[in-house]
Amino acid sequence: MTYITTGERIGYERGREEGKQELILRLLQRRVGKLSEETIASVKALNVTQLEELGEALLDFTGVDDLHQWLDALRPA
């Protein structure tokens, strides 16, 4: 039986999160066009649940304004 240390598990989880970020960013760029560095940073700051929600929401986006509205809705009032 193979055991995974806490450090290995954390590294694995972080790698999965980064993979999700990169996939979402690629899909967004294909859907809405080139993203600004600020927008990329905003997407990278999302937690895993928010990334998954964005992955679903981007299917309805027609332009970068939809993405900005979605991100703005996450910010506290």
C-alpha atoms as a PDB file:
ATOM      1  CA  MET A   1       0.000   0.000   0.000  1.00  0.00           C
ATOM      2  CA  THR A   2       1.317   3.449  -0.922  1.00  0.00           C
ATOM      3  CA  TYR A   3       1.041   6.270   1.584  1.00  0.00           C
ATOM      4  CA  ILE A   4       0.836   9.916   0.643  1.00  0.00           C
ATOM      5  CA  THR A   5       2.311  12.468   2.983  1.00  0.00           C
ATOM      6  CA  THR A   6       0.482  15.662   3.893  1.00  0.00           C
ATOM      7  CA  GLY A   7       2.956  17.665   1.836  1.00  0.00           C
ATOM      8  CA  GLU A   8       2.400  15.464  -1.207  1.00  0.00           C
ATOM      9  CA  ARG A   9      -1.379  15.771  -0.831  1.00  0.00           C
ATOM     10  CA  ILE A  10      -1.197  19.566  -0.526  1.00  0.00           C
ATOM     11  CA  GLY A  11       1.048  19.735  -3.590  1.00  0.00           C
ATOM     12  CA  TYR A  12      -1.336  17.500  -5.525  1.00  0.00           C
ATOM     13  CA  GLU A  13      -4.351  19.626  -4.582  1.00  0.00           C
ATOM     14  CA  ARG A  14      -2.514  22.836  -5.489  1.00  0.00           C
ATOM     15  CA  GLY A  15      -1.566  21.324  -8.836  1.00  0.00           C
ATOM     16  CA  ARG A  16      -5.179  20.421  -9.550  1.00  0.00           C
ATOM     17  CA  GLU A  17      -6.286  23.960  -8.677  1.00  0.00           C
ATOM     18  CA  GLU A  18      -3.660  25.473 -10.974  1.00  0.00           C
ATOM     19  CA  GLY A  19      -4.766  23.097 -13.729  1.00  0.00           C
ATOM     20  CA  LYS A  20      -8.356  24.281 -13.329  1.00  0.00           C
ATOM     21  CA  GLN A  21      -7.219  27.905 -13.446  1.00  0.00           C
ATOM     22  CA  GLU A  22      -5.303  27.344 -16.671  1.00  0.00           C
ATOM     23  CA  LEU A  23      -8.198  25.488 -18.298  1.00  0.00           C
ATOM     24  CA  ILE A  24     -10.721  28.190 -17.338  1.00  0.00           C
ATOM     25  CA  LEU A  25      -8.377  30.906 -18.595  1.00  0.00           C
ATOM     26  CA  ARG A  26      -7.918  29.112 -21.939  1.00  0.00           C
ATOM     27  CA  LEU A  27     -11.677  28.649 -22.308  1.00  0.00           C
ATOM     28  CA  LEU A  28     -12.324  32.285 -21.412  1.00  0.00           C
ATOM     29  CA  GLN A  29      -9.804  33.533 -23.961  1.00  0.00           C
ATOM     30  CA  ARG A  30     -11.365  31.361 -26.620  1.00  0.00           C
ATOM     31  CA  ARG A  31     -14.847  32.594 -25.682  1.00  0.00           C
ATOM     32  CA  VAL A  32     -14.279  36.333 -25.108  1.00  0.00           C
ATOM     33  CA  GLY A  33     -10.828  37.090 -26.548  1.00  0.00           C
ATOM     34  CA  LYS A  34      -7.562  38.278 -25.039  1.00  0.00           C
ATOM     35  CA  LEU A  35      -7.719  38.934 -21.297  1.00  0.00           C
ATOM     36  CA  SER A  36      -5.950  41.755 -19.483  1.00  0.00           C
ATOM     37  CA  GLU A  37      -3.385  40.958 -16.799  1.00  0.00           C
ATOM     38  CA  GLU A  38      -5.809  42.359 -14.219  1.00  0.00           C
ATOM     39  CA  THR A  39      -8.571  40.003 -15.369  1.00  0.00           C
ATOM     40  CA  ILE A  40      -6.199  37.045 -15.353  1.00  0.00           C
ATOM     41  CA  ALA A  41      -5.146  37.921 -11.796  1.00  0.00           C
ATOM     42  CA  SER A  42      -8.812  38.133 -10.756  1.00  0.00           C
ATOM     43  CA  VAL A  43      -9.501  34.664 -12.149  1.00  0.00           C
ATOM     44  CA  LYS A  44      -6.393  33.236 -10.473  1.00  0.00           C
ATOM     45  CA  ALA A  45      -7.576  34.669  -7.139  1.00  0.00           C
ATOM     46  CA  LEU A  46     -10.792  32.621  -7.249  1.00  0.00           C
ATOM     47  CA  ASN A  47     -11.177  29.579  -5.028  1.00  0.00           C
ATOM     48  CA  VAL A  48     -11.939  26.144  -6.502  1.00  0.00           C
ATOM     49  CA  THR A  49     -15.710  26.463  -6.057  1.00  0.00           C
ATOM     50  CA  GLN A  50     -15.734  29.860  -7.767  1.00  0.00           C
ATOM     51  CA  LEU A  51     -13.576  28.509 -10.612  1.00  0.00           C
ATOM     52  CA  GLU A  52     -16.064  25.701 -11.158  1.00  0.00           C
ATOM     53  CA  GLU A  53     -18.954  28.181 -11.158  1.00  0.00           C
ATOM     54  CA  LEU A  54     -17.092  30.376 -13.645  1.00  0.00           C
ATOM     55  CA  GLY A  55     -16.491  27.336 -15.833  1.00  0.00           C
ATOM     56  CA  GLU A  56     -20.239  26.865 -16.119  1.00  0.00           C
ATOM     57  CA  ALA A  57     -21.074  30.566 -16.419  1.00  0.00           C
ATOM     58  CA  LEU A  58     -18.624  31.192 -19.249  1.00  0.00           C
ATOM     59  CA  LEU A  59     -20.756  29.051 -21.531  1.00  0.00           C
ATOM     60  CA  ASP A  60     -23.289  31.902 -21.543  1.00  0.00           C
ATOM     61  CA  PHE A  61     -20.786  34.734 -22.020  1.00  0.00           C
ATOM     62  CA  THR A  62     -20.938  36.617 -25.305  1.00  0.00           C
ATOM     63  CA  GLY A  63     -18.119  39.050 -24.557  1.00  0.00           C
ATOM     64  CA  VAL A  64     -15.561  40.202 -22.029  1.00  0.00           C
ATOM     65  CA  ASP A  65     -18.165  42.492 -20.419  1.00  0.00           C
ATOM     66  CA  ASP A  66     -20.067  39.396 -19.274  1.00  0.00           C
ATOM     67  CA  LEU A  67     -16.921  38.124 -17.574  1.00  0.00           C
ATOM     68  CA  HIS A  68     -16.321  41.465 -15.865  1.00  0.00           C
ATOM     69  CA  GLN A  69     -19.917  41.574 -14.641  1.00  0.00           C
ATOM     70  CA  TRP A  70     -19.580  38.055 -13.276  1.00  0.00           C
ATOM     71  CA  LEU A  71     -16.360  38.918 -11.445  1.00  0.00           C
ATOM     72  CA  ASP A  72     -17.828  42.203 -10.150  1.00  0.00           C
ATOM     73  CA  ALA A  73     -20.781  40.302  -8.677  1.00  0.00           C
ATOM     74  CA  LEU A  74     -18.339  38.393  -6.449  1.00  0.00           C
ATOM     75  CA  ARG A  75     -16.927  41.541  -4.883  1.00  0.00           C
ATOM     76  CA  PRO A  76     -18.518  42.611  -1.601  1.00  0.00           C
ATOM     77  CA  ALA A  77     -20.702  45.714  -1.843  1.00  0.00           C
END
